[in-house]
Amino acid sequence: MPISTRVLTSLILFMLIQILFSCEDEICRKDNSGGFGPVNVDFVTSNSVKISWESEYEPFESYTVKRNGEVISIITEPKIKSFIDYNLKPNTFYNYEITVEDLCDDGFISTGQFCWTLP
């Protein structure tokens, strides 16, 4: 007795879904421990700060840059590991934090970096 087109289509769809989820599980099992370093302050002026960080997380989704707890940028290019924050107030205290998101819905937060802008 031949298999109907509907049954065959259902079996193929089921197999594709199984393959997709098993591949995602393999990607998410990758060990990313120790791959995200602290935030570094590269330079400070009276109205700008350049920060950078090291990260080797894969599969990468985005970096979120926060200043004083508020999101100021979301970076989706994995090669970009620095950010210049402009239009800051002179002689002001700022706290920067970077969060890396991977495709496995894990969020990793860097240690924060504090700095004062110059007068």
Protein backbone atom coordinates (compact mmCIF):
# COMPACT_ATOMS: atom_id res chain seq x y z
CA MET A 1 0.00 0.00 0.00
CA PRO A 2 1.62 3.34 -1.04
CA ILE A 3 2.12 6.12 1.50
CA SER A 4 -0.14 9.09 0.90
CA THR A 5 1.37 12.46 0.01
CA ARG A 6 -0.06 13.95 3.19
CA VAL A 7 1.57 11.33 5.43
CA LEU A 8 4.88 11.63 3.58
CA THR A 9 4.82 15.43 3.87
CA SER A 10 4.10 15.17 7.61
CA LEU A 11 6.99 12.74 8.11
CA ILE A 12 9.41 14.97 6.21
CA LEU A 13 8.30 18.04 8.16
CA PHE A 14 8.69 16.17 11.45
CA MET A 15 12.22 15.05 10.48
CA LEU A 16 13.24 18.57 9.46
CA ILE A 17 12.02 19.98 12.78
CA GLN A 18 13.97 17.31 14.67
CA ILE A 19 17.14 18.13 12.73
CA LEU A 20 16.71 21.87 13.29
CA PHE A 21 16.30 21.53 17.05
CA SER A 22 19.11 19.01 17.42
CA CYS A 23 21.49 21.39 15.57
CA GLU A 24 20.46 24.29 17.80
CA ASP A 25 21.13 22.16 20.88
CA GLU A 26 24.62 21.32 19.59
CA ILE A 27 25.38 25.01 18.99
CA CYS A 28 24.14 25.95 22.46
CA ARG A 29 26.23 23.28 24.16
CA LYS A 30 29.43 25.04 23.09
CA ASP A 31 31.44 26.09 26.13
CA ASN A 32 31.74 29.87 26.26
CA SER A 33 33.09 30.13 29.79
CA GLY A 34 35.83 32.67 30.23
CA GLY A 35 35.28 34.26 26.83
CA PHE A 36 34.13 37.69 28.00
CA GLY A 37 36.46 40.16 29.63
CA PRO A 38 36.05 43.41 31.54
CA VAL A 39 35.28 46.79 30.02
CA ASN A 40 38.38 48.90 29.39
CA VAL A 41 38.48 52.69 29.20
CA ASP A 42 40.76 53.55 26.27
CA PHE A 43 40.49 57.34 26.45
CA VAL A 44 38.55 60.07 28.23
CA THR A 45 38.05 63.72 27.23
CA SER A 46 35.78 66.41 28.65
CA ASN A 47 32.88 65.23 26.49
CA SER A 48 33.66 61.67 25.28
CA VAL A 49 34.78 58.24 26.45
CA LYS A 50 36.03 55.29 24.40
CA ILE A 51 35.45 51.87 25.90
CA SER A 52 36.45 48.44 24.60
CA TRP A 53 36.05 44.81 25.62
CA GLU A 54 37.17 41.30 24.69
CA SER A 55 34.68 38.60 23.77
CA GLU A 56 34.88 35.25 22.01
CA TYR A 57 31.27 34.15 22.32
CA GLU A 58 29.80 32.10 19.49
CA PRO A 59 27.16 32.06 18.17
CA PHE A 60 26.99 35.80 18.66
CA GLU A 61 23.79 37.88 18.56
CA SER A 62 24.56 41.32 20.01
CA TYR A 63 26.44 43.48 22.48
CA THR A 64 24.41 45.92 24.55
CA VAL A 65 26.26 49.00 25.81
CA LYS A 66 24.85 50.61 28.95
CA ARG A 67 25.76 53.93 30.54
CA ASN A 68 24.60 54.38 34.14
CA GLY A 69 22.22 51.43 33.68
CA GLU A 70 20.54 52.73 30.49
CA VAL A 71 21.00 51.16 27.06
CA ILE A 72 22.83 53.57 24.76
CA SER A 73 23.77 51.21 21.93
CA ILE A 74 23.15 47.70 20.58
CA ILE A 75 25.96 46.35 18.41
CA THR A 76 25.17 43.42 16.11
CA GLU A 77 28.53 43.16 14.34
CA PRO A 78 30.76 40.67 16.23
CA LYS A 79 34.01 42.31 15.07
CA ILE A 80 33.09 45.62 16.73
CA LYS A 81 34.37 45.48 20.30
CA SER A 82 34.60 49.16 21.14
CA PHE A 83 32.31 52.14 21.47
CA ILE A 84 32.84 55.91 21.66
CA ASP A 85 30.29 57.77 23.73
CA TYR A 86 30.01 61.43 22.66
CA ASN A 87 28.20 64.52 23.97
CA LEU A 88 28.92 63.80 27.60
CA LYS A 89 29.01 66.42 30.33
CA PRO A 90 32.43 67.59 31.57
CA ASN A 91 33.61 66.54 35.05
CA THR A 92 30.88 63.89 35.34
CA PHE A 93 30.95 60.32 36.67
CA TYR A 94 29.80 57.52 34.29
CA ASN A 95 29.46 53.76 34.69
CA TYR A 96 29.68 51.53 31.59
CA GLU A 97 28.59 47.92 31.28
CA ILE A 98 28.53 45.55 28.31
CA THR A 99 26.16 42.61 27.94
CA VAL A 100 26.74 39.98 25.27
CA GLU A 101 23.77 37.97 24.05
CA ASP A 102 24.29 34.72 22.21
CA LEU A 103 21.87 32.74 20.05
CA CYS A 104 21.17 30.38 22.95
CA ASP A 105 19.41 33.09 24.98
CA ASP A 106 22.26 33.31 27.47
CA GLY A 107 23.16 36.78 28.68
CA PHE A 108 26.67 37.49 29.94
CA ILE A 109 27.43 40.77 31.70
CA SER A 110 30.88 42.28 31.85
CA THR A 111 32.28 43.84 34.94
CA GLY A 112 31.42 47.52 34.89
CA GLN A 113 33.91 50.32 34.33
CA PHE A 114 33.69 53.68 36.05
CA CYS A 115 35.20 56.90 34.77
CA TRP A 116 35.06 60.66 35.13
CA THR A 117 35.07 62.94 32.14
CA LEU A 118 37.69 65.68 32.23
CA PRO A 119 36.75 69.22 33.35
